[in-house]
Structures are given as C-alpha cells and as structure tokens.
Amino acid sequence: MISKSISYFVTLPKILRVAVFQNAAQHGPAMKEVETAAKFLRLQLQILEVRGPNDLEMAFEAVTRERADALMTLPNPRLRLDNRTRKRILDFTLNRRMPSMHEGDEYVEAGGLMSYGPDDEDNFRRAATYVDKILKGSKVSELPVQQPMKFEFVFNLKTAKQIGLTVPPNLLVRANRVIK
C-alpha cells in the first residue's frame, strides 16, 4: 500500500526528493516499503522523525533547508486526528506550492493534494460484522484478523491548481474520487 502511495509522485513533473514524516516507533515495515519503492522509482527520501505536533517546526525547517520537492506523511494518529496539526502541515505545503501525499482523505478534503489508504467506511462496515458475530456468541479469539480490503485514492484538483501543478490525465483516471 505505501509503495503505491509514493509511486503516485513519479507521475508528477519534477519530483525527485520527497520528505517523509514518520514515527519510527510505528513505521518499521512501512518505512522499509517506502525506501524500497523510492529506490526503484529513483526518488531521494528525506526521512524526518515526526512523532507529534511538537516535532513539526523542526521538520518544516529541515524540509525547507533540504529543498524537498514533495511531502509524504505516513499514518500517524497524533497528526491525522488533530485538525490544528493537519492545518499546519497543509499550510506549510500550500505556502511552498509543494505536492503532498497523505494516508487519509481528510487531508485532501482540507487542502492536501492526494491521499491513498484504506477506505475507512468499508473498514467500519466490516467491523460491524465482527460486533454482530461477538454479540451472537462468537469468541473473539476465534475470529480471524482482518486486513483492509478496499483502498481509496483521492485527488484534489483545486489544490493542484493552487500550487500550479499540471496534472497528468493518467493520474486522475486512477483516482477513486476527485475533489474539484
């Protein structure tokens, strides 16, 4: 999933260096996937440790200093669920006319360029079936662990226009949802 996220950057012009906000405590396997995909796609990564809102200023300074072409945030509930933190990240990317990739569509709805990740609505529906089974007497220990089955790619055309990005048509046809 993560490798597909980063692959969307190569369809954009002039993306060579991608800053990645990650929390090492949460992203061991995901970060390895990002690094493998970046190597294959010939992208340089600037990996920045961002555990929460207090780490953002230092990360923003590093992104600016190293002149990253794009920003990717790996899943992090401390960043994703806090509206003020999300706004700070999006303001940073929009002010620098920087494409951004996020794990949740709430970023894209708030002004981020694109997101790719599990479809939350589908996951909630599937979770409800588990609740039903438990209420009907199934033992939790006997229920199989579930992985997300449905993923969603969301693209914000308004943001693309705002940052002066010409969007290749082949990218838009891949999107499950386009915000105009």
Protein backbone atom coordinates (compact mmCIF):
# COMPACT_ATOMS: atom_id res chain seq x y z
CA MET A 1 0.00 0.00 0.00
CA ILE A 2 2.70 2.50 0.99
CA SER A 3 4.73 1.78 -2.13
CA LYS A 4 1.69 2.56 -4.27
CA SER A 5 1.33 5.88 -2.42
CA ILE A 6 4.85 7.00 -3.23
CA SER A 7 4.56 5.77 -6.82
CA TYR A 8 1.93 8.44 -7.50
CA PHE A 9 4.63 11.09 -7.05
CA VAL A 10 6.58 9.91 -10.09
CA THR A 11 3.63 10.76 -12.31
CA LEU A 12 4.09 14.40 -11.32
CA PRO A 13 6.70 16.54 -13.05
CA LYS A 14 9.98 17.41 -11.31
CA ILE A 15 9.55 15.27 -8.20
CA LEU A 16 12.99 13.99 -7.25
CA ARG A 17 13.20 14.45 -3.49
CA VAL A 18 10.38 13.50 -1.11
CA ALA A 19 10.30 14.44 2.57
CA VAL A 20 8.65 11.72 4.66
CA PHE A 21 7.15 12.42 8.08
CA GLN A 22 7.34 9.18 10.03
CA ASN A 23 7.23 7.90 13.58
CA ALA A 24 9.89 5.19 13.83
CA ALA A 25 8.03 3.52 16.69
CA GLN A 26 5.08 2.90 14.35
CA HIS A 27 6.56 2.60 10.87
CA GLY A 28 9.29 -0.04 10.75
CA PRO A 29 7.85 -2.23 7.96
CA ALA A 30 6.11 0.70 6.25
CA MET A 31 9.33 2.70 6.11
CA LYS A 32 11.17 -0.23 4.55
CA GLU A 33 8.46 -0.39 1.90
CA VAL A 34 8.81 3.34 1.23
CA GLU A 35 12.59 3.04 0.93
CA THR A 36 12.32 0.08 -1.45
CA ALA A 37 9.77 1.86 -3.64
CA ALA A 38 11.78 5.10 -3.63
CA LYS A 39 14.91 3.26 -4.73
CA PHE A 40 13.02 1.55 -7.56
CA LEU A 41 11.45 4.87 -8.61
CA ARG A 42 14.75 6.74 -8.28
CA LEU A 43 13.40 9.15 -5.69
CA GLN A 44 15.55 10.57 -2.92
CA LEU A 45 14.00 10.43 0.53
CA GLN A 46 14.40 12.88 3.37
CA ILE A 47 13.14 10.89 6.34
CA LEU A 48 12.07 13.03 9.28
CA GLU A 49 11.02 11.80 12.69
CA VAL A 50 7.67 13.42 13.50
CA ARG A 51 6.02 11.76 16.48
CA GLY A 52 3.54 14.55 17.11
CA PRO A 53 2.77 18.25 16.77
CA ASN A 54 5.81 19.35 18.79
CA ASP A 55 8.14 17.93 16.13
CA LEU A 56 6.65 19.86 13.22
CA GLU A 57 8.67 23.09 13.34
CA MET A 58 11.98 21.24 13.26
CA ALA A 59 10.69 19.05 10.43
CA PHE A 60 9.47 22.07 8.44
CA GLU A 61 12.88 23.72 8.81
CA ALA A 62 14.62 20.56 7.58
CA VAL A 63 12.28 20.23 4.57
CA THR A 64 12.94 23.85 3.65
CA ARG A 65 16.70 23.57 4.17
CA GLU A 66 16.99 20.38 2.11
CA ARG A 67 14.61 21.66 -0.60
CA ALA A 68 12.29 18.68 -0.83
CA ASP A 69 10.02 18.65 -3.89
CA ALA A 70 7.11 16.91 -2.15
CA LEU A 71 5.92 15.78 1.28
CA MET A 72 4.51 12.43 2.35
CA THR A 73 3.02 11.76 5.77
CA LEU A 74 2.90 8.17 6.96
CA PRO A 75 -0.08 7.11 9.09
CA ASN A 76 0.15 8.76 12.49
CA PRO A 77 -2.98 9.19 14.64
CA ARG A 78 -1.37 12.09 16.53
CA LEU A 79 -1.13 14.03 13.25
CA ARG A 80 -4.18 12.71 11.42
CA LEU A 81 -6.79 13.22 14.10
CA ASP A 82 -5.78 16.72 15.20
CA ASN A 83 -7.34 19.37 12.96
CA ARG A 84 -4.86 22.09 14.01
CA THR A 85 -1.87 19.87 13.31
CA ARG A 86 -3.28 18.82 9.95
CA LYS A 87 -3.85 22.51 9.09
CA ARG A 88 -0.24 23.36 9.99
CA ILE A 89 1.06 20.63 7.68
CA LEU A 90 -1.22 21.68 4.83
CA ASP A 91 -0.43 25.38 5.26
CA PHE A 92 3.25 24.52 5.06
CA THR A 93 2.86 22.57 1.80
CA LEU A 94 0.47 25.06 0.20
CA ASN A 95 2.66 28.08 1.05
CA ARG A 96 5.60 26.32 -0.65
CA ARG A 97 3.48 25.08 -3.56
CA MET A 98 4.56 21.58 -2.62
CA PRO A 99 2.64 18.43 -3.64
CA SER A 100 1.66 16.28 -0.68
CA MET A 101 0.56 12.68 -0.18
CA HIS A 102 -1.27 11.59 2.95
CA GLU A 103 -2.79 8.50 4.47
CA GLY A 104 -6.30 9.83 4.92
CA ASP A 105 -8.80 11.61 2.74
CA GLU A 106 -9.46 14.18 5.47
CA TYR A 107 -6.12 15.74 4.50
CA VAL A 108 -7.24 16.03 0.87
CA GLU A 109 -10.63 17.41 1.85
CA ALA A 110 -8.80 20.05 3.91
CA GLY A 111 -6.47 21.05 1.04
CA GLY A 112 -3.84 18.33 0.66
CA LEU A 113 -3.08 17.19 -2.88
CA MET A 114 -3.71 13.46 -2.66
CA SER A 115 -4.19 10.51 -0.36
CA TYR A 116 -4.06 6.77 -0.67
CA GLY A 117 -5.10 4.43 2.07
CA PRO A 118 -7.68 2.05 3.45
CA ASP A 119 -11.30 3.01 2.85
CA ASP A 120 -12.45 3.86 6.39
CA GLU A 121 -16.15 3.39 5.61
CA ASP A 122 -15.52 -0.11 4.31
CA ASN A 123 -13.46 -0.92 7.42
CA PHE A 124 -16.24 0.35 9.71
CA ARG A 125 -18.83 -1.79 7.89
CA ARG A 126 -16.59 -4.83 8.22
CA ALA A 127 -16.01 -4.08 11.91
CA ALA A 128 -19.78 -4.02 12.42
CA THR A 129 -19.98 -7.61 11.17
CA TYR A 130 -17.48 -8.57 13.86
CA VAL A 131 -19.54 -6.84 16.54
CA ASP A 132 -22.58 -8.75 15.27
CA LYS A 133 -20.73 -12.07 15.47
CA ILE A 134 -19.50 -11.31 19.00
CA LEU A 135 -22.98 -10.31 20.16
CA LYS A 136 -24.28 -13.59 18.73
CA GLY A 137 -21.80 -15.57 20.84
CA SER A 138 -18.63 -15.94 18.75
CA LYS A 139 -15.44 -15.92 20.75
CA VAL A 140 -13.13 -13.04 19.85
CA SER A 141 -10.14 -15.40 19.89
CA GLU A 142 -11.76 -17.50 17.17
CA LEU A 143 -12.35 -14.61 14.75
CA PRO A 144 -9.67 -14.15 12.09
CA VAL A 145 -7.58 -11.00 12.00
CA GLN A 146 -8.76 -8.78 9.16
CA GLN A 147 -6.71 -6.60 6.85
CA PRO A 148 -8.16 -3.67 4.91
CA MET A 149 -9.64 -4.95 1.66
CA LYS A 150 -10.59 -1.74 -0.08
CA PHE A 151 -8.27 1.22 -0.70
CA GLU A 152 -9.06 4.69 -1.95
CA PHE A 153 -7.02 7.17 -3.97
CA VAL A 154 -8.36 10.73 -3.59
CA PHE A 155 -7.05 13.71 -5.55
CA ASN A 156 -7.72 17.43 -5.03
CA LEU A 157 -7.78 19.36 -8.33
CA LYS A 158 -8.34 22.68 -6.51
CA THR A 159 -5.08 22.20 -4.65
CA ALA A 160 -3.27 21.19 -7.85
CA LYS A 161 -4.38 24.45 -9.44
CA GLN A 162 -3.45 26.44 -6.31
CA ILE A 163 0.12 25.09 -6.31
CA GLY A 164 0.47 25.48 -10.09
CA LEU A 165 0.59 21.78 -10.87
CA THR A 166 -0.42 20.39 -14.24
CA VAL A 167 -1.97 17.02 -13.52
CA PRO A 168 -1.32 14.19 -15.96
CA PRO A 169 -4.65 12.68 -17.09
CA ASN A 170 -3.35 9.17 -16.33
CA LEU A 171 -3.16 10.14 -12.66
CA LEU A 172 -6.75 11.38 -12.49
CA VAL A 173 -8.18 8.23 -14.08
CA ARG A 174 -6.63 6.22 -11.25
CA ALA A 175 -8.44 8.27 -8.59
CA ASN A 176 -11.48 6.84 -6.85
CA ARG A 177 -12.56 10.38 -6.06
CA VAL A 178 -11.54 13.77 -7.41
CA ILE A 179 -12.25 16.95 -5.45
CA LYS A 180 -12.92 19.83 -7.84
